[in-house]
PDB file of N, CA and C in Angstrom:
ATOM      1  N   MET A   1      -4.577  -6.918 -13.841  1.00  0.00           N
ATOM      2  CA  MET A   1      -4.382  -5.974 -13.767  1.00  0.00           C
ATOM      3  C   MET A   1      -5.133  -6.218 -12.379  1.00  0.00           C
ATOM      4  N   TYR A   2      -4.523  -5.039 -11.473  1.00  0.00           N
ATOM      5  CA  TYR A   2      -5.425  -4.980 -10.234  1.00  0.00           C
ATOM      6  C   TYR A   2      -6.512  -4.367 -10.312  1.00  0.00           C
ATOM      7  N   THR A   3      -7.110  -3.868  -9.256  1.00  0.00           N
ATOM      8  CA  THR A   3      -8.257  -2.993  -9.155  1.00  0.00           C
ATOM      9  C   THR A   3      -7.376  -1.611  -7.714  1.00  0.00           C
ATOM     10  N   GLN A   4      -7.980  -0.878  -7.877  1.00  0.00           N
ATOM     11  CA  GLN A   4      -6.603  -0.183  -7.152  1.00  0.00           C
ATOM     12  C   GLN A   4      -7.109  -0.614  -5.416  1.00  0.00           C
ATOM     13  N   LYS A   5      -8.287  -0.956  -5.350  1.00  0.00           N
ATOM     14  CA  LYS A   5      -8.898  -1.434  -4.277  1.00  0.00           C
ATOM     15  C   LYS A   5      -8.057  -2.463  -3.737  1.00  0.00           C
ATOM     16  N   GLU A   6      -8.008  -3.468  -4.487  1.00  0.00           N
ATOM     17  CA  GLU A   6      -6.831  -4.865  -4.276  1.00  0.00           C
ATOM     18  C   GLU A   6      -5.283  -4.391  -4.193  1.00  0.00           C
ATOM     19  N   PHE A   7      -4.854  -3.255  -5.090  1.00  0.00           N
ATOM     20  CA  PHE A   7      -3.590  -2.414  -4.845  1.00  0.00           C
ATOM     21  C   PHE A   7      -3.033  -1.920  -3.624  1.00  0.00           C
ATOM     22  N   ASP A   8      -4.372  -1.221  -3.187  1.00  0.00           N
ATOM     23  CA  ASP A   8      -3.777  -0.429  -1.871  1.00  0.00           C
ATOM     24  C   ASP A   8      -3.473  -1.703  -0.851  1.00  0.00           C
ATOM     25  N   GLN A   9      -4.571  -2.914  -0.763  1.00  0.00           N
ATOM     26  CA  GLN A   9      -4.440  -4.049   0.160  1.00  0.00           C
ATOM     27  C   GLN A   9      -3.248  -4.339  -0.005  1.00  0.00           C
ATOM     28  N   TYR A  10      -2.744  -4.492  -1.499  1.00  0.00           N
ATOM     29  CA  TYR A  10      -0.976  -5.610  -1.342  1.00  0.00           C
ATOM     30  C   TYR A  10       0.057  -4.516  -0.703  1.00  0.00           C
ATOM     31  N   VAL A  11      -0.421  -2.758  -0.989  1.00  0.00           N
ATOM     32  CA  VAL A  11       0.937  -2.209  -0.901  1.00  0.00           C
ATOM     33  C   VAL A  11       0.748  -2.150   0.589  1.00  0.00           C
ATOM     34  N   SER A  12      -0.323  -1.861   1.225  1.00  0.00           N
ATOM     35  CA  SER A  12      -0.306  -1.703   2.950  1.00  0.00           C
ATOM     36  C   SER A  12      -0.113  -3.729   3.229  1.00  0.00           C
ATOM     37  N   ASN A  13      -0.105  -4.410   3.064  1.00  0.00           N
ATOM     38  CA  ASN A  13       0.530  -5.504   3.491  1.00  0.00           C
ATOM     39  C   ASN A  13       1.869  -5.570   3.639  1.00  0.00           C
ATOM     40  N   TYR A  14       2.102  -5.214   2.396  1.00  0.00           N
ATOM     41  CA  TYR A  14       4.131  -5.090   2.736  1.00  0.00           C
ATOM     42  C   TYR A  14       4.375  -4.050   3.337  1.00  0.00           C
ATOM     43  N   ILE A  15       3.145  -2.570   3.621  1.00  0.00           N
ATOM     44  CA  ILE A  15       3.900  -1.899   4.846  1.00  0.00           C
ATOM     45  C   ILE A  15       4.249  -2.547   6.351  1.00  0.00           C
ATOM     46  N   VAL A  16       2.677  -3.556   6.361  1.00  0.00           N
ATOM     47  CA  VAL A  16       2.536  -4.159   7.823  1.00  0.00           C
ATOM     48  C   VAL A  16       3.481  -5.543   8.066  1.00  0.00           C
ATOM     49  N   ASP A  17       3.434  -5.962   6.617  1.00  0.00           N
ATOM     50  CA  ASP A  17       4.459  -6.841   7.132  1.00  0.00           C
ATOM     51  C   ASP A  17       6.312  -6.601   7.151  1.00  0.00           C
ATOM     52  N   GLY A  18       6.192  -5.282   6.738  1.00  0.00           N
ATOM     53  CA  GLY A  18       7.727  -5.230   6.702  1.00  0.00           C
ATOM     54  C   GLY A  18       7.973  -4.781   7.664  1.00  0.00           C
ATOM     55  N   VAL A  19       6.706  -4.080   8.380  1.00  0.00           N
ATOM     56  CA  VAL A  19       6.886  -3.113   9.740  1.00  0.00           C
ATOM     57  C   VAL A  19       7.989  -1.832   9.131  1.00  0.00           C
ATOM     58  N   LEU A  20       7.665  -1.228   8.083  1.00  0.00           N
ATOM     59  CA  LEU A  20       8.281  -0.023   7.808  1.00  0.00           C
ATOM     60  C   LEU A  20       7.160   1.073   8.302  1.00  0.00           C
ATOM     61  N   PRO A  21       7.461   2.226   8.272  1.00  0.00           N
ATOM     62  CA  PRO A  21       6.934   3.242   8.206  1.00  0.00           C
ATOM     63  C   PRO A  21       6.249   3.693   7.518  1.00  0.00           C
ATOM     64  N   LEU A  22       4.923   4.594   7.148  1.00  0.00           N
ATOM     65  CA  LEU A  22       4.015   4.945   6.327  1.00  0.00           C
ATOM     66  C   LEU A  22       4.446   5.331   5.472  1.00  0.00           C
ATOM     67  N   ASN A  23       5.286   6.692   5.566  1.00  0.00           N
ATOM     68  CA  ASN A  23       6.128   7.699   4.599  1.00  0.00           C
ATOM     69  C   ASN A  23       6.653   6.656   3.836  1.00  0.00           C
ATOM     70  N   HIS A  24       7.235   5.151   3.869  1.00  0.00           N
ATOM     71  CA  HIS A  24       7.873   5.325   2.853  1.00  0.00           C
ATOM     72  C   HIS A  24       7.142   4.985   2.035  1.00  0.00           C
ATOM     73  N   VAL A  25       6.173   4.997   1.538  1.00  0.00           N
ATOM     74  CA  VAL A  25       4.989   5.077   0.101  1.00  0.00           C
ATOM     75  C   VAL A  25       5.066   6.288  -0.317  1.00  0.00           C
ATOM     76  N   GLU A  26       5.726   7.299  -0.036  1.00  0.00           N
ATOM     77  CA  GLU A  26       6.207   8.653  -0.130  1.00  0.00           C
ATOM     78  C   GLU A  26       7.727   8.746  -1.014  1.00  0.00           C
ATOM     79  N   THR A  27       8.200   7.776  -0.519  1.00  0.00           N
ATOM     80  CA  THR A  27       9.448   8.134  -1.222  1.00  0.00           C
ATOM     81  C   THR A  27       9.587   8.230  -2.442  1.00  0.00           C
ATOM     82  N   GLU A  28      10.467   8.815  -3.040  1.00  0.00           N
ATOM     83  CA  GLU A  28      10.069   8.823  -5.103  1.00  0.00           C
ATOM     84  C   GLU A  28      10.559   7.426  -5.533  1.00  0.00           C
ATOM     85  N   SER A  29      11.889   7.132  -4.437  1.00  0.00           N
ATOM     86  CA  SER A  29      12.344   5.560  -5.311  1.00  0.00           C
ATOM     87  C   SER A  29      10.811   4.516  -5.288  1.00  0.00           C
ATOM     88  N   PHE A  30      10.222   4.992  -4.533  1.00  0.00           N
ATOM     89  CA  PHE A  30       8.901   4.067  -4.415  1.00  0.00           C
ATOM     90  C   PHE A  30       7.495   4.448  -4.892  1.00  0.00           C
ATOM     91  N   LYS A  31       7.559   5.254  -5.311  1.00  0.00           N
ATOM     92  CA  LYS A  31       6.664   6.013  -6.420  1.00  0.00           C
ATOM     93  C   LYS A  31       7.237   5.554  -7.916  1.00  0.00           C
ATOM     94  N   GLU A  32       8.376   5.549  -8.337  1.00  0.00           N
ATOM     95  CA  GLU A  32       8.399   5.264  -9.500  1.00  0.00           C
ATOM     96  C   GLU A  32       8.376   3.859  -9.389  1.00  0.00           C
ATOM     97  N   LEU A  33       8.999   2.879  -8.749  1.00  0.00           N
ATOM     98  CA  LEU A  33       8.555   1.571  -8.556  1.00  0.00           C
ATOM     99  C   LEU A  33       7.156   1.330  -8.790  1.00  0.00           C
ATOM    100  N   MET A  34       6.374   1.824  -8.176  1.00  0.00           N
ATOM    101  CA  MET A  34       5.098   1.503  -8.126  1.00  0.00           C
ATOM    102  C   MET A  34       4.357   2.084  -9.903  1.00  0.00           C
ATOM    103  N   GLN A  35       4.976   3.030  -9.968  1.00  0.00           N
ATOM    104  CA  GLN A  35       4.759   3.804 -11.815  1.00  0.00           C
ATOM    105  C   GLN A  35       4.763   2.794 -12.709  1.00  0.00           C
ATOM    106  N   GLN A  36       6.013   2.454 -12.594  1.00  0.00           N
ATOM    107  CA  GLN A  36       6.480   0.976 -13.563  1.00  0.00           C
ATOM    108  C   GLN A  36       5.662  -0.307 -13.464  1.00  0.00           C
ATOM    109  N   LEU A  37       5.002  -0.556 -12.107  1.00  0.00           N
ATOM    110  CA  LEU A  37       4.968  -2.189 -11.846  1.00  0.00           C
ATOM    111  C   LEU A  37       3.164  -1.702 -12.513  1.00  0.00           C
ATOM    112  N   ALA A  38       2.496  -0.418 -12.513  1.00  0.00           N
ATOM    113  CA  ALA A  38       1.403  -0.167 -12.110  1.00  0.00           C
ATOM    114  C   ALA A  38       0.476   0.808 -12.506  1.00  0.00           C
ATOM    115  N   PRO A  39       0.992   1.549 -13.686  1.00  0.00           N
ATOM    116  CA  PRO A  39       0.953   2.965 -13.883  1.00  0.00           C
ATOM    117  C   PRO A  39      -0.664   3.080 -14.307  1.00  0.00           C
ATOM    118  N   ALA A  40      -1.323   3.058 -14.425  1.00  0.00           N
ATOM    119  CA  ALA A  40      -3.426   2.587 -14.322  1.00  0.00           C
ATOM    120  C   ALA A  40      -3.486   3.297 -12.607  1.00  0.00           C
ATOM    121  N   LEU A  41      -2.378   2.731 -11.126  1.00  0.00           N
ATOM    122  CA  LEU A  41      -2.955   2.832 -10.510  1.00  0.00           C
ATOM    123  C   LEU A  41      -2.112   4.196  -9.806  1.00  0.00           C
ATOM    124  N   SER A  42      -2.570   4.280  -8.386  1.00  0.00           N
ATOM    125  CA  SER A  42      -1.666   5.225  -7.609  1.00  0.00           C
ATOM    126  C   SER A  42      -1.685   4.695  -6.375  1.00  0.00           C
ATOM    127  N   VAL A  43      -0.487   4.998  -5.778  1.00  0.00           N
ATOM    128  CA  VAL A  43       0.019   5.026  -4.468  1.00  0.00           C
ATOM    129  C   VAL A  43      -0.436   6.636  -3.302  1.00  0.00           C
ATOM    130  N   THR A  44      -0.845   6.591  -2.208  1.00  0.00           N
ATOM    131  CA  THR A  44      -0.806   7.743  -1.594  1.00  0.00           C
ATOM    132  C   THR A  44      -0.628   7.601  -0.330  1.00  0.00           C
ATOM    133  N   ALA A  45      -0.002   8.015   0.606  1.00  0.00           N
ATOM    134  CA  ALA A  45       0.285   8.067   1.944  1.00  0.00           C
ATOM    135  C   ALA A  45      -1.785   7.855   2.787  1.00  0.00           C
ATOM    136  N   VAL A  46      -2.528   8.309   1.991  1.00  0.00           N
ATOM    137  CA  VAL A  46      -3.926   8.722   2.824  1.00  0.00           C
ATOM    138  C   VAL A  46      -4.146   7.244   2.853  1.00  0.00           C
ATOM    139  N   VAL A  47      -4.298   6.780   1.297  1.00  0.00           N
ATOM    140  CA  VAL A  47      -5.115   5.657   0.711  1.00  0.00           C
ATOM    141  C   VAL A  47      -4.551   4.675   1.901  1.00  0.00           C
ATOM    142  N   CYS A  48      -3.136   4.550   1.747  1.00  0.00           N
ATOM    143  CA  CYS A  48      -2.260   3.699   2.297  1.00  0.00           C
ATOM    144  C   CYS A  48      -2.872   3.352   3.921  1.00  0.00           C
ATOM    145  N   ARG A  49      -2.815   4.630   4.585  1.00  0.00           N
ATOM    146  CA  ARG A  49      -3.154   4.441   6.169  1.00  0.00           C
ATOM    147  C   ARG A  49      -4.343   4.078   6.194  1.00  0.00           C
ATOM    148  N   ASP A  50      -5.275   4.412   5.588  1.00  0.00           N
ATOM    149  CA  ASP A  50      -6.983   4.164   5.370  1.00  0.00           C
ATOM    150  C   ASP A  50      -6.703   2.418   5.351  1.00  0.00           C
ATOM    151  N   SER A  51      -6.283   1.757   4.420  1.00  0.00           N
ATOM    152  CA  SER A  51      -5.924   0.437   4.223  1.00  0.00           C
ATOM    153  C   SER A  51      -5.377  -0.137   5.463  1.00  0.00           C
ATOM    154  N   ILE A  52      -4.101   0.264   5.607  1.00  0.00           N
ATOM    155  CA  ILE A  52      -3.431  -0.756   7.049  1.00  0.00           C
ATOM    156  C   ILE A  52      -4.934  -0.096   8.365  1.00  0.00           C
ATOM    157  N   GLY A  53      -5.510   0.650   8.214  1.00  0.00           N
ATOM    158  CA  GLY A  53      -5.967   0.845   9.754  1.00  0.00           C
ATOM    159  C   GLY A  53      -6.729  -0.044   9.493  1.00  0.00           C
ATOM    160  N   SER A  54      -7.655  -0.573   8.190  1.00  0.00           N
ATOM    161  CA  SER A  54      -9.054  -1.348   7.876  1.00  0.00           C
ATOM    162  C   SER A  54      -8.439  -2.522   7.746  1.00  0.00           C
ATOM    163  N   GLY A  55      -6.523  -3.050   7.436  1.00  0.00           N
ATOM    164  CA  GLY A  55      -6.809  -3.861   7.124  1.00  0.00           C
ATOM    165  C   GLY A  55      -6.255  -4.747   8.302  1.00  0.00           C
ATOM    166  N   ILE A  56      -5.619  -4.470   9.482  1.00  0.00           N
ATOM    167  CA  ILE A  56      -4.893  -4.497  10.422  1.00  0.00           C
ATOM    168  C   ILE A  56      -5.866  -5.372  11.039  1.00  0.00           C
ATOM    169  N   GLY A  57      -6.876  -5.537  11.300  1.00  0.00           N
ATOM    170  CA  GLY A  57      -8.262  -6.104  12.289  1.00  0.00           C
ATOM    171  C   GLY A  57      -8.219  -7.352  10.825  1.00  0.00           C
ATOM    172  N   ASP A  58      -8.017  -7.159  10.293  1.00  0.00           N
ATOM    173  CA  ASP A  58      -8.800  -8.116   9.033  1.00  0.00           C
ATOM    174  C   ASP A  58      -7.390  -9.419   9.124  1.00  0.00           C
ATOM    175  N   LYS A  59      -6.124  -8.771   9.195  1.00  0.00           N
ATOM    176  CA  LYS A  59      -5.353  -9.627   9.576  1.00  0.00           C
ATOM    177  C   LYS A  59      -5.358 -10.519  10.935  1.00  0.00           C
ATOM    178  N   GLU A  60      -5.467  -9.909  11.799  1.00  0.00           N
ATOM    179  CA  GLU A  60      -5.876 -10.242  13.376  1.00  0.00           C
ATOM    180  C   GLU A  60      -6.533 -11.788  13.346  1.00  0.00           C
ATOM    181  N   GLY A  61      -8.121 -11.084  12.775  1.00  0.00           N
ATOM    182  CA  GLY A  61      -8.760 -12.487  12.400  1.00  0.00           C
ATOM    183  C   GLY A  61      -8.373 -13.526  11.894  1.00  0.00           C
ATOM    184  N   THR A  62      -6.966 -13.780  11.038  1.00  0.00           N
ATOM    185  CA  THR A  62      -6.974 -14.973  10.414  1.00  0.00           C
ATOM    186  C   THR A  62      -5.981 -15.496  11.520  1.00  0.00           C
TER     187      THR A  62
END
């Protein structure tokens, strides 16, 4: 099981690595997929944007 923070980072990496628009996480199909994979966790555009913003610097440093 993942923590919300870990889950957010995985979703952020998915968006960044796939060069996807941030609103991708707002689609019903993506929300349904995430609900099936991790029902105790949530994906929101705000959390994703915050994670991506902080995660980009982390990825550039590696």
